[in-house]
Amino acid sequence: MAKPVSLLDVTTMTELRKDSHPSIYAGGGSKLNDCSHWCLPGLPDAWNQLLYTDLLGNV
């Protein structure tokens, strides 16, 4: 590869967060898939912070 590639390992962090599965796949909740929960602050914001930190460290 011409450019180095780095991967962010977010699997463990994602599994441990209570707000990581706000859909029907978490069990117990509604039978409808409610994707509006992904618009709330939470897990995607944590991923963005990790990515931003990684990008700043590789400049």
N, C-alpha and C. Protein backbone atom coordinates (compact mmCIF):
# COMPACT_ATOMS: atom_id res chain seq x y z
N MET A 1 0.83 -1.19 0.00
CA MET A 1 0.00 0.00 0.00
C MET A 1 0.88 1.25 0.00
N ALA A 2 0.43 2.22 -0.72
CA ALA A 2 1.17 3.48 -0.78
C ALA A 2 1.01 4.29 0.50
N LYS A 3 -0.13 4.20 1.12
CA LYS A 3 -0.41 4.95 2.36
C LYS A 3 -0.69 3.96 3.49
N PRO A 4 -0.16 4.24 4.68
CA PRO A 4 -0.45 3.34 5.80
C PRO A 4 -1.91 3.42 6.23
N VAL A 5 -2.42 2.29 6.65
CA VAL A 5 -3.81 2.21 7.09
C VAL A 5 -3.82 1.79 8.56
N SER A 6 -4.64 2.46 9.35
CA SER A 6 -4.79 2.04 10.75
C SER A 6 -6.26 1.75 11.01
N LEU A 7 -6.50 0.80 11.87
CA LEU A 7 -7.86 0.42 12.23
C LEU A 7 -8.12 0.81 13.68
N LEU A 8 -9.32 1.28 13.94
CA LEU A 8 -9.72 1.59 15.31
C LEU A 8 -10.50 0.40 15.84
N ASP A 9 -10.03 -0.18 16.91
CA ASP A 9 -10.72 -1.32 17.51
C ASP A 9 -11.75 -0.78 18.50
N VAL A 10 -12.99 -0.69 18.04
CA VAL A 10 -14.07 -0.14 18.86
C VAL A 10 -15.02 -1.24 19.35
N THR A 11 -14.71 -2.49 19.06
CA THR A 11 -15.62 -3.58 19.38
C THR A 11 -15.89 -3.70 20.87
N THR A 12 -14.84 -3.77 21.68
CA THR A 12 -15.02 -3.94 23.12
C THR A 12 -15.75 -2.75 23.72
N MET A 13 -15.33 -1.55 23.32
CA MET A 13 -15.98 -0.35 23.84
C MET A 13 -17.47 -0.33 23.47
N THR A 14 -17.78 -0.73 22.25
CA THR A 14 -19.16 -0.73 21.79
C THR A 14 -20.00 -1.75 22.55
N GLU A 15 -19.44 -2.92 22.80
CA GLU A 15 -20.19 -3.96 23.50
C GLU A 15 -20.46 -3.60 24.96
N LEU A 16 -19.57 -2.84 25.59
CA LEU A 16 -19.70 -2.53 27.01
C LEU A 16 -20.63 -1.36 27.30
N ARG A 17 -20.90 -0.53 26.30
CA ARG A 17 -21.75 0.64 26.54
C ARG A 17 -23.22 0.24 26.56
N LYS A 18 -23.94 0.77 27.52
CA LYS A 18 -25.37 0.45 27.65
C LYS A 18 -26.18 1.00 26.47
N ASP A 19 -25.74 2.13 25.91
CA ASP A 19 -26.48 2.75 24.82
C ASP A 19 -26.00 2.28 23.44
N SER A 20 -25.25 1.17 23.39
CA SER A 20 -24.67 0.76 22.12
C SER A 20 -25.64 0.04 21.20
N HIS A 21 -26.74 -0.48 21.72
CA HIS A 21 -27.70 -1.22 20.89
C HIS A 21 -29.12 -0.72 21.14
N PRO A 22 -29.47 0.47 20.65
CA PRO A 22 -30.80 1.01 20.92
C PRO A 22 -31.87 0.52 19.95
N SER A 23 -31.68 -0.62 19.34
CA SER A 23 -32.65 -1.09 18.35
C SER A 23 -33.32 -2.37 18.84
N ILE A 24 -34.06 -3.01 17.95
CA ILE A 24 -34.77 -4.24 18.28
C ILE A 24 -33.81 -5.38 18.60
N TYR A 25 -32.56 -5.27 18.18
CA TYR A 25 -31.60 -6.35 18.37
C TYR A 25 -31.06 -6.41 19.80
N ALA A 26 -31.32 -5.38 20.60
CA ALA A 26 -30.86 -5.37 21.99
C ALA A 26 -31.73 -6.26 22.86
N GLY A 27 -32.90 -6.58 22.39
CA GLY A 27 -33.81 -7.42 23.16
C GLY A 27 -34.63 -6.61 24.15
N GLY A 28 -35.83 -7.04 24.36
CA GLY A 28 -36.68 -6.41 25.36
C GLY A 28 -37.48 -5.22 24.86
N GLY A 29 -36.97 -4.44 23.98
CA GLY A 29 -37.63 -3.21 23.57
C GLY A 29 -38.77 -3.43 22.60
N SER A 30 -39.06 -2.42 21.86
CA SER A 30 -40.13 -2.44 20.88
C SER A 30 -39.81 -3.41 19.74
N LYS A 31 -40.83 -3.87 19.07
CA LYS A 31 -40.64 -4.76 17.92
C LYS A 31 -40.29 -3.98 16.65
N LEU A 32 -40.41 -2.66 16.71
CA LEU A 32 -40.09 -1.82 15.56
C LEU A 32 -38.66 -1.31 15.69
N ASN A 33 -37.98 -1.22 14.56
CA ASN A 33 -36.62 -0.70 14.55
C ASN A 33 -36.68 0.82 14.57
N ASP A 34 -36.25 1.43 15.65
CA ASP A 34 -36.32 2.87 15.82
C ASP A 34 -34.95 3.48 15.60
N CYS A 35 -34.68 3.92 14.38
CA CYS A 35 -33.35 4.44 14.06
C CYS A 35 -33.14 5.87 14.55
N SER A 36 -34.16 6.51 15.11
CA SER A 36 -33.97 7.87 15.62
C SER A 36 -33.05 7.90 16.83
N HIS A 37 -32.88 6.76 17.50
CA HIS A 37 -31.98 6.73 18.65
C HIS A 37 -30.53 6.98 18.24
N TRP A 38 -30.19 6.67 17.01
CA TRP A 38 -28.81 6.90 16.57
C TRP A 38 -28.54 8.39 16.39
N CYS A 39 -29.55 9.22 16.42
CA CYS A 39 -29.36 10.67 16.33
C CYS A 39 -29.03 11.28 17.69
N LEU A 40 -29.21 10.52 18.75
CA LEU A 40 -28.91 11.01 20.09
C LEU A 40 -27.41 10.95 20.35
N PRO A 41 -26.91 11.78 21.26
CA PRO A 41 -25.49 11.69 21.61
C PRO A 41 -25.20 10.33 22.23
N GLY A 42 -24.06 9.80 21.96
CA GLY A 42 -23.72 8.50 22.53
C GLY A 42 -22.60 7.83 21.78
N LEU A 43 -22.84 6.60 21.38
CA LEU A 43 -21.80 5.77 20.80
C LEU A 43 -21.17 6.33 19.53
N PRO A 44 -21.93 6.78 18.53
CA PRO A 44 -21.28 7.34 17.35
C PRO A 44 -20.38 8.54 17.68
N ASP A 45 -20.75 9.32 18.69
CA ASP A 45 -19.90 10.43 19.11
C ASP A 45 -18.59 9.93 19.70
N ALA A 46 -18.64 8.84 20.43
CA ALA A 46 -17.42 8.26 20.99
C ALA A 46 -16.51 7.75 19.87
N TRP A 47 -17.10 7.12 18.84
CA TRP A 47 -16.30 6.69 17.69
C TRP A 47 -15.65 7.89 17.01
N ASN A 48 -16.41 8.98 16.85
CA ASN A 48 -15.86 10.18 16.22
C ASN A 48 -14.71 10.76 17.02
N GLN A 49 -14.80 10.76 18.34
CA GLN A 49 -13.71 11.26 19.17
C GLN A 49 -12.46 10.41 19.01
N LEU A 50 -12.63 9.10 18.96
CA LEU A 50 -11.48 8.22 18.75
C LEU A 50 -10.84 8.46 17.39
N LEU A 51 -11.66 8.59 16.36
CA LEU A 51 -11.15 8.84 15.02
C LEU A 51 -10.42 10.18 14.95
N TYR A 52 -10.99 11.21 15.54
CA TYR A 52 -10.38 12.54 15.55
C TYR A 52 -9.03 12.50 16.27
N THR A 53 -8.98 11.82 17.41
CA THR A 53 -7.73 11.71 18.16
C THR A 53 -6.68 10.96 17.35
N ASP A 54 -7.10 9.90 16.66
CA ASP A 54 -6.17 9.14 15.83
C ASP A 54 -5.66 9.98 14.67
N LEU A 55 -6.54 10.74 14.04
CA LEU A 55 -6.12 11.59 12.93
C LEU A 55 -5.13 12.66 13.38
N LEU A 56 -5.38 13.26 14.54
CA LEU A 56 -4.46 14.28 15.05
C LEU A 56 -3.10 13.69 15.41
N GLY A 57 -3.11 12.45 15.87
CA GLY A 57 -1.86 11.80 16.23
C GLY A 57 -1.03 11.37 15.04
N ASN A 58 -1.66 11.25 13.88
CA ASN A 58 -0.96 10.81 12.67
C ASN A 58 -0.64 11.93 11.71
N VAL A 59 -0.76 13.17 12.16
CA VAL A 59 -0.49 14.31 11.26
C VAL A 59 0.98 14.53 11.14
